[in-house]
Protein backbone atom coordinates (compact mmCIF):
# COMPACT_ATOMS: atom_id res chain seq x y z
CA MET A 1 87.61 112.11 91.97
CA PRO A 2 89.27 114.04 94.27
CA GLY A 3 90.74 113.10 97.85
CA ALA A 4 91.29 108.74 97.46
CA LYS A 5 94.14 107.69 98.84
CA VAL A 6 96.26 105.88 96.23
CA LYS A 7 99.69 103.95 96.46
CA LEU A 8 102.36 102.81 93.96
CA GLU A 9 104.55 99.57 94.71
CA CYS A 10 107.09 98.84 92.59
CA LYS A 11 108.85 95.41 93.10
CA GLY A 12 111.63 93.33 92.11
CA GLU A 13 112.64 90.34 90.63
CA GLU A 14 111.42 87.40 93.19
CA ALA A 15 108.53 87.15 93.88
CA GLY A 16 106.35 89.24 96.13
CA ASN A 17 109.67 91.05 97.18
CA ILE A 18 107.76 94.21 97.58
CA THR A 19 110.93 96.84 96.85
CA TYR A 20 109.57 101.02 97.03
CA THR A 21 106.12 101.94 98.21
CA GLN A 22 104.53 105.28 98.03
CA GLU A 23 101.31 106.83 98.99
CA GLY A 24 99.42 110.11 98.41
CA GLU A 25 96.23 111.82 97.88
CA THR A 26 94.34 112.88 94.03
CA ASN A 27 94.30 117.03 94.08
CA GLU A 28 90.82 118.53 93.41
CA SER A 29 90.41 117.75 89.43
CA GLY A 30 90.97 113.49 90.76
CA GLN A 31 94.80 113.78 89.67
CA TYR A 32 98.11 112.21 91.18
CA ARG A 33 101.77 112.90 91.39
CA LEU A 34 104.07 110.76 92.98
CA LYS A 35 107.22 111.29 93.78
CA VAL A 36 109.62 108.28 93.65
CA GLU A 37 113.33 108.25 94.90
CA GLY A 38 115.27 105.66 93.79
CA ASP A 39 115.99 103.61 90.72
CA HIS A 40 113.34 101.46 89.99
CA ALA A 41 112.75 101.03 86.21
CA ASP A 42 113.49 97.35 86.03
CA GLU A 43 110.86 97.12 88.76
CA GLU A 44 107.49 96.24 87.78
CA CYS A 45 105.13 99.57 89.40
CA GLY A 46 101.88 99.50 89.90
CA ILE A 47 98.67 101.96 91.20
CA THR A 48 96.21 100.45 93.72
CA LEU A 49 93.95 102.51 95.07
CA VAL A 50 94.06 103.05 98.80
CA LYS A 51 90.68 104.48 100.08
CA SER A 52 87.78 106.26 97.72
CA SER A 53 86.73 109.06 98.65
CA ARG A 54 83.26 108.59 97.22
CA ALA A 55 80.53 106.35 99.43
CA ASP A 56 79.05 104.62 95.91
CA CYS A 57 82.49 104.15 94.48
CA ASP A 58 84.49 102.75 97.74
CA GLU A 59 85.30 98.97 96.10
CA ILE A 60 88.78 98.32 96.49
CA PRO A 61 89.99 95.25 94.62
CA ASP A 62 92.13 93.11 95.85
CA GLU A 63 93.05 91.22 92.44
CA GLY A 64 96.46 92.60 91.08
CA TRP A 65 97.58 95.50 89.89
CA ARG A 66 95.61 97.63 88.77
CA ALA A 67 97.47 99.99 86.64
CA SER A 68 100.99 99.92 85.65
CA HIS A 69 103.02 102.45 85.75
CA PRO A 70 105.28 103.75 83.10
CA HIS A 71 108.98 104.25 83.88
C-alpha cells in the first residue's frame, strides 16, 4: 500500500519506557525503510500503522505490537 504512514518504536526494559521513535512512509511498492540511529539491539522494537493511504483500509489497530522488527 503506497503512501501509508508507519511508526517504529523501541522500548527499554522498563514497561512503557519508549527509548526511540521514527516515522516513515511506504513507497510506491508499499515498502518502507527507516534509518535507526543509536543502538537498540537489546530493546523490543515494533512497527505500527499510523495512517492508511486507502479509505477502504483505514482501521488502525490500537493494541499491542503489529509487527516486530528483527535487529
